[in-house]
């Protein structure tokens, strides 16, 4: 039996290492896979409804960069889609475009960008729209036959192109990295701090508990109060500290703050609780610090790289996009970008907060089951140590 057991252990460990390495290699490969984002969420407002505008829309739909998900009726509807975070780029084809081109007058097509998205996305959208419009403008200048250009006659040579692109970016006019990168990096720090603080506090209480009951092995065997108090204290301390640091860093880098900063604090507090609930479950049941570090690494790094802020979410293959939904950071960033960058209310980002609540509820339920099982183990430990009950002279650290 021993050789068979040893062989099974070798196979199991090999498979486990292979899975872990595949996971990490996929994160690294995701940074170089399809370096240009694909399937950018796009909305097109065609106010002209002409052969020329249909040619432009056809060029947008034919591109492998754009994914036209909405065709709003006007500019205000497009603006609402961007405010809700449903699209990253919009195109407005103005009235009388076809008529002006027929009469040799230059016209501009408006490209609206979501400045709160990963900057590579709106920048690529703008670049490709320029290519599409410049191609059609060049064909007009060269008098491309009518049948090749959507029945558009052209009788004049213009010094200026007949079609050009103008740009408007919401929330981050320069389409820079601060609005997306800074909150994400702070989200990474929030994950690490939230995971570690619970471990430290529970280990302190477990150490004190073992002085009285040496047979205790894991934190789930602690009295209920010795588990609840560290969670509450950690949540309050970490949330307050991170919210203060968040505010300070944004002021330091001159990033505009939303009018209701308490919405940001709420989103921060929900992520902290989600990460602490995950950490609580593992800390209650795993004694080895090395194992905990390995697990938390597998939580923090994939969440960071699959969240969509560093590598554009659109350019990721199917598995990393799916894996991004396995971690709270993905939903935190979507909720934070809504309340921080776009000034939405908490209700407007409720679907992302609900996902975080599911993490909290699920792992707190698992932790409660672990504590109930640990209570049974604690009674056996007390009985085996011959004490019969836990004395009222417990060390203060166990209760706080």
Protein backbone atom coordinates (compact mmCIF):
# COMPACT_ATOMS: atom_id res chain seq x y z
CA UNK A 1 0.00 0.00 0.00
CA UNK A 2 2.81 2.41 0.77
CA UNK A 3 4.19 2.53 -2.82
CA UNK A 4 0.67 3.09 -4.19
CA UNK A 5 0.03 5.86 -1.66
CA UNK A 6 3.36 7.49 -2.46
CA UNK A 7 2.66 7.29 -6.21
CA UNK A 8 -0.77 8.86 -5.70
CA UNK A 9 0.77 11.69 -3.69
CA UNK A 10 3.38 12.32 -6.40
CA UNK A 11 0.72 12.42 -9.12
CA UNK A 12 -1.53 14.70 -7.06
CA UNK A 13 1.28 17.14 -6.25
CA UNK A 14 2.42 17.18 -9.88
CA UNK A 15 -1.10 18.00 -11.05
CA UNK A 16 -1.46 20.69 -8.39
CA UNK A 17 1.83 22.34 -9.37
CA UNK A 18 0.87 22.13 -13.06
CA UNK A 19 -2.48 23.83 -12.38
CA UNK A 20 -0.84 26.59 -10.34
CA UNK A 21 1.85 27.19 -12.97
CA UNK A 22 -0.75 27.23 -15.75
CA UNK A 23 -2.65 29.84 -13.81
CA UNK A 24 0.42 32.05 -13.38
CA UNK A 25 1.66 31.54 -16.95
CA UNK A 26 -1.76 32.54 -18.25
CA UNK A 27 -1.53 35.78 -16.27
CA UNK A 28 1.81 36.60 -17.82
CA UNK A 29 0.69 35.57 -21.30
CA UNK A 30 -2.45 37.68 -20.97
CA UNK A 31 -0.28 40.80 -20.87
CA UNK A 32 0.98 40.07 -24.39
CA UNK A 33 -2.01 38.32 -25.93
CA UNK A 34 -3.69 40.52 -28.55
CA UNK A 35 -1.81 43.61 -27.43
CA UNK A 36 -4.43 45.83 -29.06
CA UNK A 37 -7.86 45.66 -27.42
CA UNK A 38 -10.61 44.01 -29.42
CA UNK A 39 -14.39 44.28 -29.28
CA UNK A 40 -14.48 47.75 -27.74
CA UNK A 41 -18.00 48.42 -26.49
CA UNK A 42 -19.29 51.06 -28.89
CA UNK A 43 -22.49 53.03 -29.49
CA UNK A 44 -23.28 54.76 -32.79
CA UNK A 45 -25.69 57.68 -33.17
CA UNK A 46 -26.58 58.00 -36.86
CA UNK A 47 -28.46 61.29 -37.12
CA UNK A 48 -28.00 61.50 -40.89
CA UNK A 49 -29.40 58.12 -41.99
CA UNK A 50 -27.86 58.54 -45.44
CA UNK A 51 -25.81 56.38 -47.85
CA UNK A 52 -22.66 58.09 -46.54
CA UNK A 53 -23.51 57.52 -42.90
CA UNK A 54 -24.32 53.88 -43.65
CA UNK A 55 -20.90 53.53 -45.26
CA UNK A 56 -19.27 54.87 -42.11
CA UNK A 57 -21.35 52.58 -39.86
CA UNK A 58 -20.45 49.64 -42.11
CA UNK A 59 -16.76 50.48 -41.71
CA UNK A 60 -17.15 50.58 -37.92
CA UNK A 61 -19.01 47.27 -37.79
CA UNK A 62 -16.53 45.63 -40.17
CA UNK A 63 -13.59 46.54 -37.96
CA UNK A 64 -12.45 43.87 -35.49
CA UNK A 65 -11.80 46.65 -32.99
CA UNK A 66 -15.36 47.85 -32.45
CA UNK A 67 -18.33 45.96 -31.13
CA UNK A 68 -21.43 48.10 -31.77
CA UNK A 69 -23.70 47.19 -28.87
CA UNK A 70 -26.02 50.21 -28.91
CA UNK A 71 -27.53 52.59 -31.47
CA UNK A 72 -28.94 55.41 -29.28
CA UNK A 73 -31.26 57.95 -30.83
CA UNK A 74 -29.28 61.04 -29.86
CA UNK A 75 -26.21 62.42 -28.13
CA UNK A 76 -27.86 62.61 -24.69
CA UNK A 77 -28.74 58.90 -24.84
CA UNK A 78 -25.12 58.17 -25.76
CA UNK A 79 -23.91 60.26 -22.83
CA UNK A 80 -26.14 58.25 -20.48
CA UNK A 81 -24.66 54.99 -21.76
CA UNK A 82 -21.16 56.28 -21.03
CA UNK A 83 -22.23 57.52 -17.59
CA UNK A 84 -23.55 54.04 -16.78
CA UNK A 85 -20.29 52.45 -17.94
CA UNK A 86 -22.01 50.45 -20.68
CA UNK A 87 -19.82 51.69 -23.54
CA UNK A 88 -16.23 52.85 -23.84
CA UNK A 89 -16.58 54.80 -27.08
CA UNK A 90 -19.35 56.47 -29.04
CA UNK A 91 -19.68 57.88 -32.56
CA UNK A 92 -22.07 60.69 -33.52
CA UNK A 93 -22.73 61.14 -37.24
CA UNK A 94 -24.32 64.60 -37.57
CA UNK A 95 -27.39 65.72 -39.51
CA UNK A 96 -26.87 66.83 -43.13
CA UNK A 97 -23.53 65.02 -43.41
CA UNK A 98 -24.37 63.63 -46.84
CA UNK A 99 -25.81 66.95 -48.05
CA UNK A 100 -22.73 68.92 -46.93
CA UNK A 101 -20.35 66.46 -48.60
CA UNK A 102 -22.33 66.64 -51.84
CA UNK A 103 -21.93 70.42 -51.71
CA UNK A 104 -18.23 70.24 -50.96
CA UNK A 105 -18.46 71.37 -47.35
CA UNK A 106 -16.23 69.73 -44.76
CA UNK A 107 -17.96 67.94 -41.89
CA UNK A 108 -16.81 66.53 -38.57
CA UNK A 109 -17.77 63.20 -37.02
CA UNK A 110 -17.76 63.28 -33.23
CA UNK A 111 -16.01 60.49 -31.32
CA UNK A 112 -16.98 60.40 -27.65
CA UNK A 113 -14.60 58.58 -25.30
CA UNK A 114 -15.08 57.14 -21.83
CA UNK A 115 -12.11 58.60 -19.99
CA UNK A 116 -12.67 56.36 -16.96
CA UNK A 117 -11.84 53.23 -18.97
CA UNK A 118 -8.37 51.77 -19.39
CA UNK A 119 -6.67 54.50 -21.48
CA UNK A 120 -5.54 52.02 -24.13
CA UNK A 121 -9.19 51.37 -25.01
CA UNK A 122 -10.37 54.93 -25.87
CA UNK A 123 -7.04 55.75 -27.50
CA UNK A 124 -7.31 52.73 -29.79
CA UNK A 125 -10.95 53.55 -30.54
CA UNK A 126 -10.00 57.10 -31.55
CA UNK A 127 -7.10 55.90 -33.70
CA UNK A 128 -9.24 53.39 -35.59
CA UNK A 129 -12.07 55.87 -36.12
CA UNK A 130 -9.55 58.27 -37.64
CA UNK A 131 -8.39 55.49 -39.97
CA UNK A 132 -11.95 54.67 -41.08
CA UNK A 133 -12.93 58.30 -41.66
CA UNK A 134 -9.64 59.21 -43.34
CA UNK A 135 -10.01 56.27 -45.71
CA UNK A 136 -13.46 57.41 -46.79
CA UNK A 137 -12.27 61.04 -47.02
CA UNK A 138 -9.37 59.95 -49.20
CA UNK A 139 -11.72 58.03 -51.48
CA UNK A 140 -13.87 61.13 -51.82
CA UNK A 141 -10.83 63.19 -52.79
CA UNK A 142 -9.85 60.63 -55.42
CA UNK A 143 -13.33 60.57 -56.94
CA UNK A 144 -13.92 56.90 -56.20
CA UNK A 145 -16.77 55.63 -58.40
CA UNK A 146 -20.23 56.00 -57.03
CA UNK A 147 -20.89 52.27 -56.89
CA UNK A 148 -17.80 51.79 -54.70
CA UNK A 149 -18.67 54.49 -52.17
CA UNK A 150 -22.31 54.14 -51.31
CA UNK A 151 -23.56 56.33 -54.21
CA UNK A 152 -21.69 59.47 -53.15
CA UNK A 153 -20.85 61.80 -56.06
CA UNK A 154 -17.94 64.15 -55.68
CA UNK A 155 -17.19 66.91 -58.15
CA UNK A 156 -14.71 69.08 -56.30
CA UNK A 157 -11.12 68.81 -55.13
CA UNK A 158 -10.85 70.17 -51.58
CA UNK A 159 -7.80 71.50 -49.82
CA UNK A 160 -9.25 70.13 -46.57
CA UNK A 161 -10.68 66.61 -46.25
CA UNK A 162 -14.43 66.45 -46.59
CA UNK A 163 -14.60 64.24 -43.48
CA UNK A 164 -12.65 64.71 -40.26
CA UNK A 165 -12.94 63.52 -36.66
CA UNK A 166 -13.42 65.61 -33.55
CA UNK A 167 -13.07 64.21 -30.03
CA UNK A 168 -14.76 64.63 -26.67
CA UNK A 169 -13.64 62.66 -23.61
CA UNK A 170 -15.72 62.41 -20.46
CA UNK A 171 -14.37 62.15 -16.89
CA UNK A 172 -10.72 62.29 -17.96
CA UNK A 173 -10.29 64.84 -20.79
CA UNK A 174 -6.67 63.87 -21.41
CA UNK A 175 -7.47 60.14 -21.25
CA UNK A 176 -4.66 59.62 -18.76
CA UNK A 177 -3.91 56.74 -16.40
CA UNK A 178 -4.62 58.32 -13.01
CA UNK A 179 -8.36 57.72 -12.97
CA UNK A 180 -8.01 54.00 -13.65
CA UNK A 181 -4.57 53.07 -12.33
CA UNK A 182 -4.50 54.74 -8.92
CA UNK A 183 -7.74 53.20 -7.61
CA UNK A 184 -6.67 49.78 -8.90
CA UNK A 185 -3.27 49.90 -7.23
CA UNK A 186 -4.94 50.93 -4.00
CA UNK A 187 -7.35 48.04 -4.46
CA UNK A 188 -4.34 45.71 -4.59
CA UNK A 189 -3.05 47.15 -1.31
CA UNK A 190 -6.50 46.84 0.21
CA UNK A 191 -6.58 43.14 -0.67
CA UNK A 192 -3.22 42.45 0.94
CA UNK A 193 -3.89 44.45 4.11
CA UNK A 194 -7.36 42.99 4.58
CA UNK A 195 -6.10 39.43 4.17
CA UNK A 196 -3.11 39.82 6.47
CA UNK A 197 -4.69 41.73 9.37
CA UNK A 198 -7.19 38.95 10.10
CA UNK A 199 -4.43 36.35 10.17
CA UNK A 200 -2.33 38.39 12.59
CA UNK A 201 -5.17 39.09 15.02
CA UNK A 202 -6.42 35.52 15.04
CA UNK A 203 -2.89 34.18 15.53
CA UNK A 204 -2.46 36.42 18.59
CA UNK A 205 -5.67 35.09 20.10
CA UNK A 206 -4.81 31.50 19.22
CA UNK A 207 -1.41 31.85 20.83
CA UNK A 208 -3.01 33.09 24.06
CA UNK A 209 -5.62 30.35 23.93
CA UNK A 210 -2.98 27.64 23.49
CA UNK A 211 -1.21 28.78 26.64
CA UNK A 212 -4.25 27.51 28.53
CA UNK A 213 -5.18 24.66 26.18
CA UNK A 214 -2.03 23.35 24.42
CA UNK A 215 -4.03 20.83 22.38
CA UNK A 216 -5.68 23.61 20.34
CA UNK A 217 -4.33 23.61 16.79
CA UNK A 218 -6.37 25.95 14.57
CA UNK A 219 -8.20 29.24 15.03
CA UNK A 220 -11.67 27.75 14.51
CA UNK A 221 -11.30 26.23 18.00
CA UNK A 222 -11.28 29.70 19.57
CA UNK A 223 -14.33 30.97 21.50
CA UNK A 224 -16.77 32.85 19.28
CA UNK A 225 -15.99 36.24 20.80
CA UNK A 226 -12.30 35.75 20.15
CA UNK A 227 -13.15 35.40 16.44
CA UNK A 228 -15.80 38.09 16.04
CA UNK A 229 -13.96 40.95 17.72
CA UNK A 230 -10.84 40.78 15.48
CA UNK A 231 -13.06 40.81 12.39
CA UNK A 232 -14.98 43.90 13.52
CA UNK A 233 -11.89 45.76 14.70
CA UNK A 234 -9.96 44.91 11.56
CA UNK A 235 -12.80 46.03 9.30
CA UNK A 236 -13.12 49.38 11.07
CA UNK A 237 -9.38 50.04 11.22
CA UNK A 238 -8.57 48.97 7.65
CA UNK A 239 -11.56 50.78 6.12
CA UNK A 240 -10.75 54.02 7.93
CA UNK A 241 -7.04 53.86 7.14
CA UNK A 242 -7.54 53.03 3.46
CA UNK A 243 -10.25 55.66 2.96
CA UNK A 244 -7.95 58.30 4.50
CA UNK A 245 -5.02 57.13 2.35
CA UNK A 246 -7.24 57.06 -0.74
CA UNK A 247 -8.34 60.63 -0.17
CA UNK A 248 -4.77 61.81 0.53
CA UNK A 249 -3.30 60.20 -2.59
CA UNK A 250 -5.99 61.63 -4.85
CA UNK A 251 -5.41 65.11 -3.44
CA UNK A 252 -1.65 64.62 -3.76
CA UNK A 253 -1.94 63.74 -7.47
CA UNK A 254 -4.60 66.41 -8.12
CA UNK A 255 -7.19 63.84 -9.21
CA UNK A 256 -10.69 65.40 -8.94
CA UNK A 257 -12.77 63.96 -6.11
CA UNK A 258 -16.48 63.19 -6.42
CA UNK A 259 -19.01 65.41 -4.67
CA UNK A 260 -20.12 62.57 -2.40
CA UNK A 261 -16.92 60.93 -1.21
CA UNK A 262 -18.86 58.78 1.26
CA UNK A 263 -19.99 56.62 -1.66
CA UNK A 264 -16.32 55.85 -2.30
CA UNK A 265 -15.83 55.00 1.38
CA UNK A 266 -18.78 52.61 1.20
CA UNK A 267 -17.33 50.79 -1.81
CA UNK A 268 -13.96 50.57 -0.06
CA UNK A 269 -15.56 49.17 3.10
CA UNK A 270 -17.45 46.51 1.14
CA UNK A 271 -14.27 45.31 -0.59
CA UNK A 272 -12.44 45.21 2.77
CA UNK A 273 -15.20 43.08 4.27
CA UNK A 274 -15.24 40.78 1.21
CA UNK A 275 -11.49 40.17 1.48
CA UNK A 276 -11.66 39.76 5.27
CA UNK A 277 -14.44 37.19 4.97
CA UNK A 278 -12.25 35.18 2.57
CA UNK A 279 -9.25 35.52 4.88
CA UNK A 280 -11.35 34.59 7.91
CA UNK A 281 -12.42 31.28 6.39
CA UNK A 282 -8.90 30.22 5.45
CA UNK A 283 -7.36 31.52 8.69
CA UNK A 284 -9.84 29.55 10.78
CA UNK A 285 -9.02 26.26 9.09
CA UNK A 286 -5.36 26.42 8.05
CA UNK A 287 -2.57 26.41 10.59
CA UNK A 288 0.44 26.72 8.29
CA UNK A 289 1.47 30.30 7.57
CA UNK A 290 3.30 29.16 4.42
CA UNK A 291 0.10 27.60 3.08
CA UNK A 292 -1.85 30.77 3.84
CA UNK A 293 0.72 32.90 2.03
CA UNK A 294 0.49 30.61 -1.01
CA UNK A 295 -3.31 30.79 -1.03
CA UNK A 296 -3.36 34.57 -0.63
CA UNK A 297 -0.85 34.92 -3.45
CA UNK A 298 -3.17 32.89 -5.65
CA UNK A 299 -5.95 35.29 -4.70
CA UNK A 300 -4.14 38.62 -4.96
CA UNK A 301 -2.07 38.29 -8.14
CA UNK A 302 -4.70 36.80 -10.48
CA UNK A 303 -7.27 39.27 -9.18
CA UNK A 304 -4.85 42.12 -9.91
CA UNK A 305 -4.02 41.03 -13.45
CA UNK A 306 -7.46 39.73 -14.44
CA UNK A 307 -9.36 42.75 -13.12
CA UNK A 308 -9.06 44.52 -16.48
CA UNK A 309 -7.25 47.67 -15.40
CA UNK A 310 -3.66 46.74 -16.30
CA UNK A 311 -4.45 44.65 -19.36
CA UNK A 312 -7.55 45.78 -21.19
CA UNK A 313 -10.43 43.46 -20.38
CA UNK A 314 -11.47 43.35 -24.06
CA UNK A 315 -8.14 41.94 -25.22
CA UNK A 316 -8.09 39.03 -22.77
CA UNK A 317 -8.97 35.52 -23.95
CA UNK A 318 -12.16 33.89 -22.69
CA UNK A 319 -10.65 32.18 -19.65
CA UNK A 320 -8.99 35.25 -18.07
CA UNK A 321 -12.18 37.25 -18.62
CA UNK A 322 -14.12 34.51 -16.85
CA UNK A 323 -11.50 34.18 -14.12
CA UNK A 324 -11.68 37.90 -13.41
CA UNK A 325 -15.18 37.34 -12.09
CA UNK A 326 -13.91 34.89 -9.47
CA UNK A 327 -12.31 37.68 -7.43
CA UNK A 328 -13.83 40.64 -5.55
CA UNK A 329 -11.39 43.15 -7.06
CA UNK A 330 -13.13 43.01 -10.44
CA UNK A 331 -16.46 44.14 -9.00
CA UNK A 332 -14.81 46.66 -6.68
CA UNK A 333 -13.18 48.42 -9.63
CA UNK A 334 -16.42 48.56 -11.61
CA UNK A 335 -18.28 49.98 -8.60
CA UNK A 336 -15.47 52.40 -7.76
CA UNK A 337 -15.14 53.71 -11.31
CA UNK A 338 -18.88 54.34 -11.24
CA UNK A 339 -19.00 56.37 -8.02
CA UNK A 340 -15.50 57.87 -8.25
CA UNK A 341 -15.00 58.61 -11.94
CA UNK A 342 -18.55 58.98 -13.21
CA UNK A 343 -20.24 60.34 -10.07
CA UNK A 344 -22.94 57.66 -9.96
CA UNK A 345 -24.96 56.88 -6.87
CA UNK A 346 -24.58 53.66 -4.87
CA UNK A 347 -27.85 52.40 -6.35
CA UNK A 348 -26.45 52.79 -9.88
CA UNK A 349 -23.58 50.40 -9.10
CA UNK A 350 -25.72 48.09 -7.00
CA UNK A 351 -25.22 45.09 -9.29
CA UNK A 352 -21.45 45.18 -8.68
CA UNK A 353 -21.88 45.68 -4.94
CA UNK A 354 -24.30 42.74 -4.90
CA UNK A 355 -21.53 40.53 -6.27
CA UNK A 356 -19.31 41.64 -3.38
CA UNK A 357 -22.14 40.91 -0.95
CA UNK A 358 -22.32 37.37 -2.34
CA UNK A 359 -18.62 36.91 -1.56
CA UNK A 360 -19.19 38.23 1.96
CA UNK A 361 -22.25 36.10 2.64
CA UNK A 362 -20.79 32.92 1.18
CA UNK A 363 -17.49 33.03 3.04
CA UNK A 364 -19.07 34.19 6.30
CA UNK A 365 -21.40 31.20 6.09
CA UNK A 366 -18.43 28.88 5.54
CA UNK A 367 -16.67 30.55 8.47
CA UNK A 368 -19.72 30.05 10.70
CA UNK A 369 -19.79 26.36 9.84
CA UNK A 370 -16.08 26.17 10.64
CA UNK A 371 -16.65 27.88 14.01
CA UNK A 372 -19.46 25.43 14.85
CA UNK A 373 -17.20 22.51 14.02
CA UNK A 374 -14.43 24.15 16.03
CA UNK A 375 -16.76 24.46 19.04
CA UNK A 376 -17.20 20.69 18.98
CA UNK A 377 -13.43 20.26 18.79
CA UNK A 378 -12.93 22.76 21.62
CA UNK A 379 -15.16 20.72 23.95
CA UNK A 380 -13.07 17.66 23.23
CA UNK A 381 -9.87 19.62 23.86
CA UNK A 382 -11.19 20.92 27.18
CA UNK A 383 -12.24 17.43 28.14
CA UNK A 384 -8.92 15.88 27.17
CA UNK A 385 -7.00 18.56 29.08
CA UNK A 386 -9.07 17.71 32.15
CA UNK A 387 -10.27 21.25 32.74
CA UNK A 388 -13.96 20.64 32.13
CA UNK A 389 -14.63 24.27 31.17
CA UNK A 390 -12.97 27.46 30.05
CA UNK A 391 -11.99 29.56 33.00
CA UNK A 392 -13.28 33.10 33.39
CA UNK A 393 -9.66 34.29 33.74
CA UNK A 394 -8.88 34.13 30.03
CA UNK A 395 -6.18 36.46 28.70
CA UNK A 396 -7.60 39.75 27.49
CA UNK A 397 -6.30 39.19 23.94
CA UNK A 398 -8.72 36.29 23.45
CA UNK A 399 -11.70 38.59 23.92
CA UNK A 400 -10.53 41.49 21.82
